[in-house]
N, C-alpha and C. Protein backbone atom coordinates (compact mmCIF):
# COMPACT_ATOMS: atom_id res chain seq x y z
N UNK A 1 0.85 -1.16 -0.03
CA UNK A 1 -0.02 0.02 0.06
C UNK A 1 0.89 1.25 0.01
N UNK A 2 0.60 2.21 -0.93
CA UNK A 2 1.54 3.37 -1.16
C UNK A 2 0.92 4.39 0.07
N UNK A 3 2.13 5.03 0.48
CA UNK A 3 1.86 6.08 1.56
C UNK A 3 1.24 7.26 0.93
N UNK A 4 0.20 7.83 1.50
CA UNK A 4 -0.39 9.03 0.87
C UNK A 4 0.30 10.29 1.24
N UNK A 5 0.76 11.13 0.39
CA UNK A 5 1.54 12.30 0.72
C UNK A 5 0.48 13.50 0.64
N UNK A 6 0.33 14.14 1.79
CA UNK A 6 -0.72 15.29 1.93
C UNK A 6 0.15 16.51 1.72
N UNK A 7 -0.04 17.23 0.67
CA UNK A 7 0.55 18.65 0.54
C UNK A 7 -0.17 19.69 1.27
N UNK A 8 0.60 20.49 1.78
CA UNK A 8 0.18 21.62 2.53
C UNK A 8 -0.20 22.82 1.56
N UNK A 9 -1.61 22.87 1.22
CA UNK A 9 -1.92 23.98 0.14
C UNK A 9 -2.72 25.14 0.78
N UNK A 10 -2.72 25.15 2.14
CA UNK A 10 -3.50 26.20 2.93
C UNK A 10 -2.58 27.36 2.94
N UNK A 11 -3.13 28.50 3.78
CA UNK A 11 -2.24 29.90 3.94
C UNK A 11 -0.95 29.48 4.45
N UNK A 12 -0.89 28.68 5.57
CA UNK A 12 0.49 28.32 5.97
C UNK A 12 1.45 27.86 4.97
N UNK A 13 0.98 26.90 4.16
CA UNK A 13 1.72 26.35 3.05
C UNK A 13 2.35 27.38 2.25
N UNK A 14 1.46 28.22 1.86
CA UNK A 14 1.88 29.49 0.97
C UNK A 14 2.77 30.31 1.71
N UNK A 15 2.77 30.52 2.78
CA UNK A 15 3.72 31.32 3.61
C UNK A 15 4.94 30.70 3.69
N UNK A 16 5.08 29.40 3.82
CA UNK A 16 6.31 28.60 3.90
C UNK A 16 7.05 28.80 2.54
N UNK A 17 6.35 28.55 1.46
CA UNK A 17 6.82 28.62 0.21
C UNK A 17 7.45 30.07 -0.15
N UNK A 18 6.65 31.03 0.34
CA UNK A 18 7.10 32.45 0.29
C UNK A 18 8.60 32.51 0.86
N UNK A 19 8.46 32.20 2.14
CA UNK A 19 9.74 32.45 2.94
C UNK A 19 10.90 31.64 2.34
N UNK A 20 10.63 30.42 1.78
CA UNK A 20 11.81 29.59 1.23
C UNK A 20 12.15 30.41 -0.10
N UNK A 21 11.25 30.79 -0.79
CA UNK A 21 11.74 31.52 -2.02
C UNK A 21 12.65 32.81 -1.71
N UNK A 22 12.13 33.59 -0.68
CA UNK A 22 13.00 34.86 -0.31
C UNK A 22 14.39 34.30 0.29
N UNK A 23 14.37 33.32 1.01
CA UNK A 23 15.73 32.85 1.59
C UNK A 23 16.59 32.39 0.58
N UNK A 24 16.09 31.61 -0.44
CA UNK A 24 16.86 31.17 -1.38
C UNK A 24 17.33 32.00 -2.45
N UNK A 25 16.40 33.01 -2.84
CA UNK A 25 16.87 33.90 -3.95
C UNK A 25 16.93 35.45 -3.63
N UNK A 26 16.38 35.79 -2.41
CA UNK A 26 16.35 37.23 -2.02
C UNK A 26 15.17 37.92 -2.64
N UNK A 27 15.23 39.30 -2.36
CA UNK A 27 14.05 40.19 -2.70
C UNK A 27 13.74 40.22 -4.06
N UNK A 28 14.78 39.95 -4.98
CA UNK A 28 14.77 40.13 -6.41
C UNK A 28 13.77 39.20 -7.04
N UNK A 29 13.56 38.12 -6.35
CA UNK A 29 12.62 37.07 -6.85
C UNK A 29 11.18 37.18 -6.40
N UNK A 30 10.88 38.23 -5.66
CA UNK A 30 9.60 38.50 -5.09
C UNK A 30 8.98 39.75 -5.68
N UNK A 31 7.78 39.96 -6.03
CA UNK A 31 7.06 41.20 -6.35
C UNK A 31 6.97 42.01 -5.22
N UNK A 32 6.56 43.33 -5.46
CA UNK A 32 6.46 44.33 -4.33
C UNK A 32 5.41 43.75 -3.28
N UNK A 33 4.19 43.26 -3.89
CA UNK A 33 3.30 42.86 -3.00
C UNK A 33 3.56 41.68 -2.17
N UNK A 34 4.55 40.88 -2.81
CA UNK A 34 4.92 39.67 -2.13
C UNK A 34 5.83 39.99 -1.02
N UNK A 35 6.59 40.95 -1.07
CA UNK A 35 7.47 41.43 -0.04
C UNK A 35 6.63 42.03 1.06
N UNK A 36 5.63 42.80 0.78
CA UNK A 36 4.67 43.29 1.80
C UNK A 36 3.90 42.06 2.48
N UNK A 37 3.53 41.20 1.69
CA UNK A 37 2.81 40.15 2.07
C UNK A 37 3.47 39.22 3.09
N UNK A 38 4.74 39.08 2.76
CA UNK A 38 5.63 38.25 3.65
C UNK A 38 5.98 39.07 4.98
N UNK A 39 6.20 40.25 4.81
CA UNK A 39 6.35 41.06 5.87
C UNK A 39 5.11 41.11 6.91
N UNK A 40 4.11 41.12 6.43
CA UNK A 40 2.77 41.16 7.19
C UNK A 40 2.43 39.77 7.90
N UNK A 41 3.10 38.75 7.33
CA UNK A 41 2.94 37.33 8.02
C UNK A 41 3.41 37.29 9.43
N UNK A 42 4.50 38.26 9.60
CA UNK A 42 5.18 38.30 10.91
C UNK A 42 4.09 38.91 11.93
N UNK A 43 3.22 39.53 11.70
CA UNK A 43 2.34 40.26 12.53
C UNK A 43 0.90 39.89 12.56
N UNK A 44 0.56 39.38 11.26
CA UNK A 44 -0.90 38.95 11.08
C UNK A 44 -0.81 37.36 10.96
N UNK A 45 -1.18 36.65 12.08
CA UNK A 45 -1.27 35.10 11.94
C UNK A 45 -2.64 34.53 11.37
N UNK A 46 -2.42 33.52 10.74
CA UNK A 46 -3.69 32.61 10.39
C UNK A 46 -4.45 33.48 9.24
N UNK A 47 -4.11 34.36 8.67
CA UNK A 47 -4.89 35.00 7.62
C UNK A 47 -4.12 35.25 6.31
N UNK A 48 -4.77 35.17 5.32
CA UNK A 48 -3.93 35.41 4.08
C UNK A 48 -3.65 36.78 3.83
N UNK A 49 -2.43 37.14 3.86
CA UNK A 49 -1.94 38.64 3.88
C UNK A 49 -1.90 39.34 2.43
N UNK A 50 -2.07 38.35 1.36
CA UNK A 50 -1.83 38.77 -0.02
C UNK A 50 -2.82 39.86 -0.32
N UNK A 51 -4.23 39.78 -0.01
CA UNK A 51 -5.10 40.86 -0.41
C UNK A 51 -4.71 42.21 0.31
N UNK A 52 -4.33 42.06 1.75
CA UNK A 52 -3.86 43.25 2.25
C UNK A 52 -2.73 43.94 1.74
N UNK A 53 -1.79 43.08 1.48
CA UNK A 53 -0.49 43.72 0.71
C UNK A 53 -0.93 44.53 -0.51
N UNK A 54 -1.81 43.68 -1.39
CA UNK A 54 -2.15 44.44 -2.61
C UNK A 54 -3.04 45.77 -2.40
N UNK A 55 -3.92 45.62 -1.48
CA UNK A 55 -4.69 46.75 -1.12
C UNK A 55 -3.82 48.03 -0.66
N UNK A 56 -2.86 47.58 0.10
CA UNK A 56 -1.72 48.80 0.62
C UNK A 56 -1.16 49.35 -0.70
N UNK A 57 -0.79 48.55 -1.54
CA UNK A 57 0.01 49.08 -2.79
C UNK A 57 -0.84 49.77 -3.65
N UNK A 58 -2.20 49.32 -3.71
CA UNK A 58 -3.11 49.98 -4.63
C UNK A 58 -3.40 51.31 -4.04
N UNK A 59 -3.46 51.52 -2.93
CA UNK A 59 -3.91 52.89 -2.07
C UNK A 59 -2.55 53.86 -2.02
N UNK A 60 -1.43 53.19 -1.80
CA UNK A 60 -0.31 53.99 -1.72
C UNK A 60 0.87 53.94 -2.68
N UNK A 61 0.61 53.01 -3.60
CA UNK A 61 1.48 52.92 -4.83
C UNK A 61 2.73 52.19 -4.57
N UNK A 62 3.46 52.52 -3.72
CA UNK A 62 4.80 51.93 -3.58
C UNK A 62 5.21 51.39 -2.14
N UNK A 63 6.06 50.77 -2.05
CA UNK A 63 6.45 50.05 -0.63
C UNK A 63 6.85 51.26 0.15
N UNK A 64 7.69 52.19 -0.31
CA UNK A 64 8.22 53.39 0.28
C UNK A 64 7.19 54.05 0.77
N UNK A 65 6.07 54.38 0.02
CA UNK A 65 4.97 55.17 0.51
C UNK A 65 4.15 54.47 1.40
N UNK A 66 3.95 53.20 1.47
CA UNK A 66 3.27 52.38 2.59
C UNK A 66 4.10 52.64 3.86
N UNK A 67 5.32 52.43 3.89
CA UNK A 67 6.11 52.51 5.07
C UNK A 67 6.23 53.93 5.61
N UNK A 68 5.83 55.07 4.81
CA UNK A 68 5.92 56.39 5.26
C UNK A 68 4.51 56.85 5.90
N UNK A 69 3.53 55.97 5.75
CA UNK A 69 2.28 56.42 6.18
C UNK A 69 2.10 56.49 7.68
N UNK A 70 1.30 57.57 8.19
CA UNK A 70 1.02 57.62 9.67
C UNK A 70 0.13 56.59 10.02
N UNK A 71 0.08 56.38 11.40
CA UNK A 71 -0.75 55.23 11.92
C UNK A 71 -2.25 55.25 11.39
N UNK A 72 -2.91 56.38 11.38
CA UNK A 72 -4.27 56.59 11.03
C UNK A 72 -4.45 56.18 9.58
N UNK A 73 -3.63 56.47 8.83
CA UNK A 73 -3.83 56.36 7.32
C UNK A 73 -3.65 54.82 6.98
N UNK A 74 -2.78 54.08 7.73
CA UNK A 74 -2.54 52.67 7.52
C UNK A 74 -3.76 51.99 8.09
N UNK A 75 -4.42 52.45 9.09
CA UNK A 75 -5.76 51.80 9.62
C UNK A 75 -6.88 51.79 8.52
N UNK A 76 -6.74 52.62 7.51
CA UNK A 76 -7.92 52.76 6.53
C UNK A 76 -7.91 51.69 5.70
N UNK A 77 -6.86 50.93 5.66
CA UNK A 77 -6.85 49.74 4.69
C UNK A 77 -7.45 48.41 5.46
N UNK A 78 -8.28 47.91 4.70
CA UNK A 78 -8.92 46.63 5.41
C UNK A 78 -7.90 45.55 5.73
N UNK A 79 -7.92 45.05 6.86
CA UNK A 79 -7.11 43.96 7.26
C UNK A 79 -5.93 44.53 8.04
N UNK A 80 -5.60 45.84 8.22
CA UNK A 80 -4.62 46.43 9.03
C UNK A 80 -5.24 46.87 10.25
N UNK A 81 -4.78 46.27 11.38
CA UNK A 81 -5.26 46.58 12.66
C UNK A 81 -4.27 47.49 13.29
N UNK A 82 -4.49 47.98 14.68
CA UNK A 82 -3.37 48.65 15.32
C UNK A 82 -2.13 48.03 15.41
N UNK A 83 -2.17 46.88 15.65
CA UNK A 83 -0.84 46.07 15.90
C UNK A 83 -0.12 46.05 14.46
N UNK A 84 -0.67 45.81 13.37
CA UNK A 84 0.09 45.66 12.20
C UNK A 84 0.44 47.12 11.86
N UNK A 85 -0.33 48.11 11.83
CA UNK A 85 0.09 49.44 11.68
C UNK A 85 1.24 49.97 12.38
N UNK A 86 1.28 49.61 13.64
CA UNK A 86 2.40 49.87 14.54
C UNK A 86 3.70 49.21 13.98
N UNK A 87 3.59 47.97 13.53
CA UNK A 87 4.64 47.16 13.15
C UNK A 87 5.26 47.88 11.94
N UNK A 88 4.41 48.24 11.04
CA UNK A 88 5.04 48.89 9.94
C UNK A 88 5.61 50.07 10.13
N UNK A 89 5.07 50.95 11.14
CA UNK A 89 5.78 52.20 11.66
C UNK A 89 7.10 51.94 12.20
N UNK A 90 7.16 50.87 12.96
CA UNK A 90 8.47 50.44 13.46
C UNK A 90 9.68 50.09 12.34
N UNK A 91 9.13 49.41 11.36
CA UNK A 91 10.00 49.05 10.19
C UNK A 91 10.45 50.59 9.70
N UNK A 92 9.65 51.45 9.61
CA UNK A 92 10.14 52.78 8.95
C UNK A 92 10.96 53.52 9.68
N UNK A 93 10.67 53.33 11.19
CA UNK A 93 11.59 54.06 12.05
C UNK A 93 12.99 53.34 12.08
N UNK A 94 13.02 52.07 11.98
CA UNK A 94 14.44 51.35 11.89
C UNK A 94 15.07 51.85 10.63
N UNK A 95 14.40 51.91 9.50
CA UNK A 95 15.08 52.47 8.33
C UNK A 95 15.55 53.90 8.53
N UNK A 96 14.63 54.84 8.97
CA UNK A 96 15.18 56.11 9.28
C UNK A 96 16.40 56.26 10.30
N UNK A 97 16.31 55.28 11.46
CA UNK A 97 17.53 55.27 12.38
C UNK A 97 18.86 54.97 11.58
N UNK A 98 18.50 53.97 10.80
CA UNK A 98 19.80 53.39 9.85
C UNK A 98 20.46 54.53 8.96
N UNK A 99 19.51 55.22 8.36
CA UNK A 99 20.11 56.40 7.61
C UNK A 99 20.71 57.30 8.39
N UNK A 100 20.25 57.74 9.51
CA UNK A 100 20.78 58.77 10.42
C UNK A 100 22.29 58.19 10.73
N UNK A 101 22.29 56.91 11.10
CA UNK A 101 23.70 56.41 11.50
C UNK A 101 24.64 56.40 10.34
N UNK A 102 24.22 56.14 9.16
CA UNK A 102 25.15 56.28 8.03
C UNK A 102 25.61 57.66 7.74
N UNK A 103 24.72 58.66 7.90
CA UNK A 103 25.10 60.02 7.80
C UNK A 103 26.05 60.54 8.85
N UNK A 104 25.61 60.03 10.04
CA UNK A 104 26.41 60.67 11.07
C UNK A 104 27.90 60.06 11.15
N UNK A 105 28.12 58.78 10.56
CA UNK A 105 29.32 58.10 10.51
C UNK A 105 30.15 58.57 9.36
N UNK A 106 29.61 59.30 8.43
CA UNK A 106 30.43 59.62 7.20
C UNK A 106 31.41 60.71 7.73
N UNK A 107 32.50 60.82 7.11
CA UNK A 107 33.49 61.76 7.38
C UNK A 107 33.07 63.22 6.97
N UNK A 108 32.62 63.33 5.81
CA UNK A 108 32.06 64.72 5.39
C UNK A 108 30.77 64.69 4.62
N UNK A 109 30.08 65.75 4.45
CA UNK A 109 28.94 65.83 3.69
C UNK A 109 29.27 66.87 2.50
N UNK A 110 29.54 66.33 1.43
CA UNK A 110 30.17 67.24 0.28
C UNK A 110 29.06 67.86 -0.60
N UNK A 111 27.88 67.14 -0.69
CA UNK A 111 26.90 67.59 -1.64
C UNK A 111 25.43 67.15 -1.12
N UNK A 112 24.48 67.70 -1.74
CA UNK A 112 23.04 67.48 -1.20
C UNK A 112 22.73 65.86 -1.37
N UNK A 113 23.42 65.27 -2.45
CA UNK A 113 23.16 63.82 -2.58
C UNK A 113 23.51 63.03 -1.35
N UNK A 114 24.34 63.44 -0.69
CA UNK A 114 24.92 62.71 0.62
C UNK A 114 23.69 62.56 1.57
N UNK A 115 22.79 63.35 1.60
CA UNK A 115 21.78 63.36 2.73
C UNK A 115 20.46 63.20 2.08
N UNK A 116 20.28 62.69 0.57
CA UNK A 116 19.08 62.62 0.02
C UNK A 116 18.16 61.65 0.66
N UNK A 117 18.47 60.33 1.02
CA UNK A 117 17.62 59.44 1.73
C UNK A 117 17.25 59.87 3.16
N UNK A 118 18.15 60.27 3.84
CA UNK A 118 17.98 60.78 5.16
C UNK A 118 17.01 61.93 5.17
N UNK A 119 16.91 62.80 4.23
CA UNK A 119 16.00 63.91 4.20
C UNK A 119 14.70 63.25 3.88
N UNK A 120 14.50 62.51 2.82
CA UNK A 120 13.13 61.86 2.51
C UNK A 120 12.52 61.24 3.49
N UNK A 121 13.26 60.31 4.35
CA UNK A 121 12.74 59.56 5.38
C UNK A 121 12.24 60.51 6.44
N UNK A 122 12.83 61.63 6.77
CA UNK A 122 12.32 62.47 7.91
C UNK A 122 11.15 63.24 7.55
N UNK A 123 11.20 63.83 6.43
CA UNK A 123 10.23 64.97 5.96
C UNK A 123 9.43 64.60 4.91
N UNK A 124 9.52 63.59 4.10
CA UNK A 124 8.79 63.32 2.79
C UNK A 124 7.41 63.15 3.27
N UNK A 125 7.03 62.22 4.23
CA UNK A 125 5.68 61.88 4.46
C UNK A 125 4.90 62.87 5.25
N UNK A 126 5.30 63.89 5.75
CA UNK A 126 4.67 64.76 6.78
C UNK A 126 3.67 65.67 5.94
N UNK A 127 2.43 65.79 6.58
CA UNK A 127 1.33 66.55 5.92
C UNK A 127 1.36 67.87 6.22
N UNK A 128 2.24 68.52 7.21
CA UNK A 128 2.44 69.88 7.45
C UNK A 128 3.72 70.23 7.24
N UNK A 129 4.11 71.58 6.90
CA UNK A 129 5.31 71.86 6.52
C UNK A 129 6.35 71.91 7.76
N UNK A 130 7.47 71.61 7.64
CA UNK A 130 8.43 71.33 8.75
C UNK A 130 9.81 71.73 8.42
N UNK A 131 10.57 72.54 9.22
CA UNK A 131 11.96 72.83 8.89
C UNK A 131 12.89 72.17 9.72
N UNK A 132 13.71 71.47 9.12
CA UNK A 132 14.85 70.72 9.76
C UNK A 132 16.12 71.23 9.35
N UNK A 133 17.18 71.15 10.56
CA UNK A 133 18.42 71.74 10.23
C UNK A 133 19.38 70.75 10.58
N UNK A 134 20.51 70.71 9.81
CA UNK A 134 21.56 69.84 9.92
C UNK A 134 22.86 70.74 10.19
N UNK A 135 23.48 70.45 11.46
CA UNK A 135 24.66 71.30 11.82
C UNK A 135 25.92 70.54 11.69
N UNK A 136 26.91 71.30 10.86
CA UNK A 136 28.24 70.50 10.52
C UNK A 136 29.22 71.39 11.10
N UNK A 137 30.53 70.59 11.34
CA UNK A 137 31.71 71.25 11.62
C UNK A 137 32.53 71.59 10.60
N UNK A 138 33.83 72.16 10.76
CA UNK A 138 34.65 72.49 9.75
C UNK A 138 35.04 71.55 8.72
N UNK A 139 34.87 70.12 9.16
CA UNK A 139 35.10 69.09 8.26
C UNK A 139 34.00 68.60 7.44
N UNK A 140 32.91 69.34 7.69
CA UNK A 140 31.73 68.99 7.04
C UNK A 140 31.20 67.75 7.69
N UNK A 141 31.53 67.47 8.82
CA UNK A 141 30.92 66.23 9.56
C UNK A 141 29.59 66.76 10.36
N UNK A 142 28.49 65.96 10.21
CA UNK A 142 27.34 66.16 10.80
C UNK A 142 27.53 66.16 12.37
N UNK A 143 27.24 67.10 13.03
CA UNK A 143 27.44 66.90 14.63
C UNK A 143 26.03 67.01 15.18
N UNK A 144 25.06 67.47 14.52
CA UNK A 144 23.73 67.56 15.05
C UNK A 144 22.71 67.69 14.16
N UNK A 145 21.47 67.32 14.46
CA UNK A 145 20.37 67.66 13.61
C UNK A 145 19.09 67.65 14.24
N UNK A 146 17.92 68.57 14.06
CA UNK A 146 16.71 68.49 14.78
C UNK A 146 15.82 69.40 14.06
N UNK A 147 14.47 69.00 14.27
CA UNK A 147 13.51 69.97 13.89
C UNK A 147 13.40 71.30 14.58
N UNK A 148 13.25 72.36 13.78
CA UNK A 148 13.39 73.64 14.35
C UNK A 148 12.27 74.52 14.15
N UNK A 149 11.30 74.07 13.34
CA UNK A 149 10.02 74.73 13.18
C UNK A 149 9.02 73.86 12.53
N UNK A 150 7.58 74.14 12.76
CA UNK A 150 6.56 73.35 12.17
C UNK A 150 5.38 74.34 11.95
N UNK A 151 4.68 74.08 11.02
CA UNK A 151 3.45 74.74 10.74
C UNK A 151 2.31 74.01 10.10
N UNK A 152 1.45 74.81 9.53
CA UNK A 152 0.33 74.16 8.72
C UNK A 152 0.84 74.15 7.33
N UNK A 153 -0.01 73.46 6.35
CA UNK A 153 0.30 73.37 4.93
C UNK A 153 0.51 74.85 4.43
N UNK A 154 1.74 75.14 3.92
CA UNK A 154 1.96 76.53 3.24
C UNK A 154 2.34 77.53 4.17
N UNK A 155 2.54 77.24 5.43
CA UNK A 155 2.94 78.27 6.56
C UNK A 155 3.86 77.55 7.45
N UNK A 156 4.90 78.41 7.57
CA UNK A 156 6.00 77.85 8.55
C UNK A 156 6.52 78.87 9.42
N UNK A 157 6.50 78.74 10.83
CA UNK A 157 6.93 79.90 11.76
C UNK A 157 8.17 79.48 12.31
N UNK A 158 9.37 80.30 11.90
CA UNK A 158 10.62 80.06 12.36
C UNK A 158 11.10 81.28 13.23
N UNK A 159 11.58 80.82 14.61
CA UNK A 159 12.06 81.67 15.47
C UNK A 159 13.67 81.55 15.31
N UNK A 160 14.31 82.47 14.95
CA UNK A 160 15.87 82.44 14.69
C UNK A 160 16.61 81.67 15.88
N UNK A 161 16.16 82.13 17.08
CA UNK A 161 16.92 81.74 18.10
C UNK A 161 16.94 80.13 18.32
N UNK A 162 15.79 79.61 17.78
CA UNK A 162 15.70 78.13 17.81
C UNK A 162 16.54 77.42 16.91
N UNK A 163 16.95 78.14 15.80
CA UNK A 163 17.81 77.66 14.87
C UNK A 163 19.20 77.73 15.23
N UNK A 164 19.53 78.88 15.75
CA UNK A 164 20.98 79.05 16.04
C UNK A 164 21.42 78.61 17.39
N UNK A 165 20.68 78.52 18.32
CA UNK A 165 20.96 77.98 19.64
C UNK A 165 21.73 76.75 19.64
N UNK A 166 21.23 75.61 18.82
CA UNK A 166 21.94 74.37 18.77
C UNK A 166 23.42 74.42 18.04
N UNK A 167 23.24 75.43 17.01
CA UNK A 167 24.42 75.71 16.36
C UNK A 167 25.77 76.23 17.31
N UNK A 168 25.27 77.13 18.05
CA UNK A 168 26.25 77.65 19.18
C UNK A 168 26.65 76.60 20.16
N UNK A 169 25.80 76.00 20.67
CA UNK A 169 26.01 74.79 21.70
C UNK A 169 26.78 73.63 21.13
N UNK A 170 26.68 73.44 19.65
CA UNK A 170 27.63 72.39 19.19
C UNK A 170 28.73 72.96 18.36
N UNK A 171 29.03 74.22 18.43
CA UNK A 171 30.40 74.62 17.68
C UNK A 171 30.10 74.43 16.39
N UNK A 172 29.02 74.57 15.82
CA UNK A 172 28.86 74.18 14.22
C UNK A 172 29.32 75.41 13.51
N UNK A 173 29.96 75.24 12.36
CA UNK A 173 30.19 76.20 11.44
C UNK A 173 29.60 76.22 10.09
N UNK A 174 28.88 75.02 9.96
CA UNK A 174 27.98 74.78 8.68
C UNK A 174 26.71 74.53 8.95
N UNK A 175 25.79 74.99 8.12
CA UNK A 175 24.41 74.80 8.45
C UNK A 175 23.55 74.30 7.02
N UNK A 176 22.83 73.35 7.04
CA UNK A 176 21.91 72.84 5.93
C UNK A 176 20.50 73.15 6.35
N UNK A 177 19.84 73.63 5.78
CA UNK A 177 18.47 73.90 5.97
C UNK A 177 17.62 72.96 5.01
N UNK A 178 16.53 72.25 5.70
CA UNK A 178 15.64 71.41 4.84
C UNK A 178 14.35 71.66 5.26
N UNK A 179 13.27 71.78 4.32
CA UNK A 179 12.08 71.83 4.65
C UNK A 179 11.12 71.14 3.48
N UNK A 180 10.08 70.54 3.90
CA UNK A 180 9.20 69.74 3.15
C UNK A 180 7.90 70.65 2.34
N UNK A 181 7.72 70.12 1.24
CA UNK A 181 6.39 70.75 0.69
C UNK A 181 5.36 69.64 0.60
N UNK A 182 4.46 69.66 1.50
CA UNK A 182 3.39 68.53 1.52
C UNK A 182 2.66 68.39 0.30
N UNK A 183 2.40 69.37 -0.40
CA UNK A 183 1.47 69.40 -1.59
C UNK A 183 2.34 68.64 -2.74
N UNK A 184 3.61 68.28 -2.46
CA UNK A 184 4.17 67.43 -3.76
C UNK A 184 5.03 68.15 -4.48
N UNK A 185 5.01 69.40 -4.66
CA UNK A 185 5.99 70.04 -5.55
C UNK A 185 7.20 70.77 -4.95
N UNK A 186 8.48 70.31 -5.44
CA UNK A 186 9.67 70.77 -4.69
C UNK A 186 10.21 72.15 -5.22
N UNK A 187 9.32 72.99 -5.90
CA UNK A 187 9.65 74.24 -6.52
C UNK A 187 9.68 75.16 -5.38
N UNK A 188 10.73 76.02 -5.13
CA UNK A 188 10.80 77.00 -4.13
C UNK A 188 9.80 78.24 -4.29
N UNK A 189 9.23 78.70 -3.37
CA UNK A 189 8.35 79.80 -3.51
C UNK A 189 9.22 81.14 -3.13
N UNK A 190 8.49 82.21 -3.46
CA UNK A 190 9.25 83.50 -3.03
C UNK A 190 9.74 83.60 -1.55
N UNK A 191 8.75 83.03 -0.77
CA UNK A 191 8.91 83.04 0.73
C UNK A 191 10.16 82.08 0.97
N UNK A 192 10.24 81.06 0.22
CA UNK A 192 11.34 80.16 0.44
C UNK A 192 12.68 81.01 0.22
N UNK A 193 12.67 81.52 -0.78
CA UNK A 193 13.93 82.38 -1.25
C UNK A 193 14.33 83.51 -0.26
N UNK A 194 13.14 84.18 0.11
CA UNK A 194 13.33 85.16 1.14
C UNK A 194 14.05 84.61 2.50
N UNK A 195 13.35 83.46 2.92
CA UNK A 195 13.93 82.80 4.09
C UNK A 195 15.36 82.36 3.90
N UNK A 196 15.68 81.98 2.87
CA UNK A 196 17.08 81.48 2.55
C UNK A 196 18.05 82.71 2.69
N UNK A 197 17.80 83.81 2.06
CA UNK A 197 18.51 85.06 2.23
C UNK A 197 18.77 85.48 3.54
N UNK A 198 17.52 85.51 4.35
CA UNK A 198 17.49 85.97 5.66
C UNK A 198 18.42 85.24 6.52
N UNK A 199 18.28 83.80 6.55
CA UNK A 199 19.05 83.00 7.35
C UNK A 199 20.42 83.04 6.82
N UNK A 200 20.83 83.31 5.61
CA UNK A 200 22.16 83.43 5.11
C UNK A 200 22.91 84.46 5.87
N UNK A 201 22.16 85.70 5.86
CA UNK A 201 22.61 87.04 6.52
C UNK A 201 22.91 86.69 7.96
N UNK A 202 21.80 86.08 8.79
CA UNK A 202 21.98 85.86 10.11
C UNK A 202 23.11 84.94 10.40
N UNK A 203 23.39 83.87 9.54
CA UNK A 203 24.22 82.89 9.72
C UNK A 203 25.76 83.62 9.72
N UNK A 204 25.99 84.57 8.72
CA UNK A 204 27.19 85.26 8.73
C UNK A 204 27.59 85.91 9.94
N UNK A 205 26.51 86.40 10.48
CA UNK A 205 26.75 87.11 11.80
C UNK A 205 27.34 86.34 12.98
N UNK A 206 27.07 85.14 13.04
CA UNK A 206 27.62 84.00 13.85
C UNK A 206 28.84 83.20 13.40
N UNK A 207 29.20 83.78 12.19
CA UNK A 207 30.34 83.03 11.54
C UNK A 207 30.08 81.48 11.29
N UNK A 208 28.83 81.34 10.69
CA UNK A 208 28.22 80.07 10.15
C UNK A 208 27.86 80.13 8.94
N UNK A 209 28.31 79.24 8.09
CA UNK A 209 27.94 79.26 6.63
C UNK A 209 26.64 78.48 6.34
N UNK A 210 25.82 79.02 5.61
CA UNK A 210 24.69 78.42 5.07
C UNK A 210 24.89 77.62 3.84
N UNK A 211 25.12 76.39 3.90
CA UNK A 211 25.68 75.55 2.91
C UNK A 211 24.72 75.30 1.64
N UNK A 212 23.40 75.04 2.19
CA UNK A 212 22.22 74.80 1.33
C UNK A 212 20.88 75.00 2.00
N UNK A 213 19.91 75.27 1.24
CA UNK A 213 18.43 75.10 1.71
C UNK A 213 17.80 74.09 0.72
N UNK A 214 17.29 72.88 1.35
CA UNK A 214 16.86 71.99 0.31
C UNK A 214 15.27 71.84 0.67
N UNK A 215 14.46 71.58 -0.42
CA UNK A 215 13.11 71.25 -0.34
C UNK A 215 12.80 69.97 -0.71
N UNK A 216 12.03 69.26 0.23
CA UNK A 216 11.87 67.80 -0.06
C UNK A 216 10.51 67.48 -0.08
N UNK A 217 10.09 66.44 -1.12
CA UNK A 217 8.80 65.76 -1.21
C UNK A 217 9.09 64.37 -0.93
N UNK A 218 8.14 63.52 -1.33
CA UNK A 218 8.01 62.14 -1.02
C UNK A 218 9.18 61.46 -2.01
N UNK A 219 9.21 62.19 -3.25
CA UNK A 219 10.10 61.57 -4.44
C UNK A 219 11.21 62.40 -4.67
N UNK A 220 11.27 63.76 -4.40
CA UNK A 220 12.24 64.61 -5.00
C UNK A 220 12.91 65.51 -3.92
N UNK A 221 14.14 65.88 -4.33
CA UNK A 221 14.85 66.98 -3.37
C UNK A 221 15.26 68.06 -4.31
N UNK A 222 14.94 69.36 -3.88
CA UNK A 222 15.40 70.44 -4.77
C UNK A 222 16.51 71.24 -3.87
N UNK A 223 17.49 71.52 -4.54
CA UNK A 223 18.59 72.43 -3.85
C UNK A 223 18.55 73.83 -4.43
N UNK A 224 18.13 74.64 -3.32
CA UNK A 224 18.12 76.08 -3.64
C UNK A 224 19.50 76.76 -4.04
N UNK A 225 20.55 76.14 -3.35
CA UNK A 225 21.90 76.62 -3.62
C UNK A 225 22.39 76.26 -5.11
N UNK A 226 22.07 75.11 -5.66
CA UNK A 226 22.47 74.78 -7.00
C UNK A 226 21.35 74.89 -7.93
N UNK A 227 20.27 75.24 -7.57
CA UNK A 227 19.03 75.38 -8.53
C UNK A 227 18.65 74.12 -9.19
N UNK A 228 18.95 72.92 -8.77
CA UNK A 228 18.87 71.63 -9.29
C UNK A 228 17.85 70.75 -8.47
N UNK A 229 17.07 69.84 -9.25
CA UNK A 229 16.32 68.76 -8.81
C UNK A 229 17.34 67.49 -8.60
N UNK A 230 17.06 66.77 -7.60
CA UNK A 230 17.92 65.52 -7.64
C UNK A 230 16.90 64.27 -7.36
C-alpha cells in the first residue's frame, strides 16, 4: 500500500513557500506585493495577507509610500489593525535610524546627494510644513540635527533663536536647512527664497555658513543653492 502524501496547500503552506523563495533567492525574486505580504505574515497570523498587501499598494502605490504612512492612514486599509500599523511604523523607524547612522558616521557631507535618503525619510511623508536643520563642523561632519519649526500646509513659523541655539552649543560652522512641501511640488516659493537670504545673513553674523537650503517631497529633493532637482 502506497503512503499518501498530503501537501500543505493552505495559507500556512503558501507562507512557507514564500519564505523559502525569499531565503533562497532574495528580494529580487519577489514582487512588491509579495514582499509586503511576507512582512505582514510576521504580525498577522492565520490570515491570508496577500489581499492586504495588494490593497496597501493599490492605495499608496509603492512600498516606500506604505512605510511612510502615519498610523491613522494605515488603519484605513482593510485588514490592517493597530498592531500591524504599529509594526509597519517600527520598520520605517528602523530604516530612518539606519540612515541617520550612515550620515552621522560619514567623514564629510560634500553635496546634497549625501543626505538625500536621510531627508526623504524624515520629512517626505509629513502633511504639514516642517523645517529641519543639519549642523556641521569645519570638516563638514554632521554634529547635530533637529526639527526647528513646524506649521500648517503652506505656512512655517521660524524663530531664529531656535535655529541658532543648537549651532552655538555644538560649535557648528556649517548649516543645511531642509523643509518639506506637503503638496508634492519641490519648486521654491518667493517666501522660501526670502527665508534663505535672511538665514544666510544671520548665519554670517555668527560665523556660520549656510551651505544649502533643500526642499523635499516624497520623491524629490530640490537644492536652492544649486538650483537643481535631485
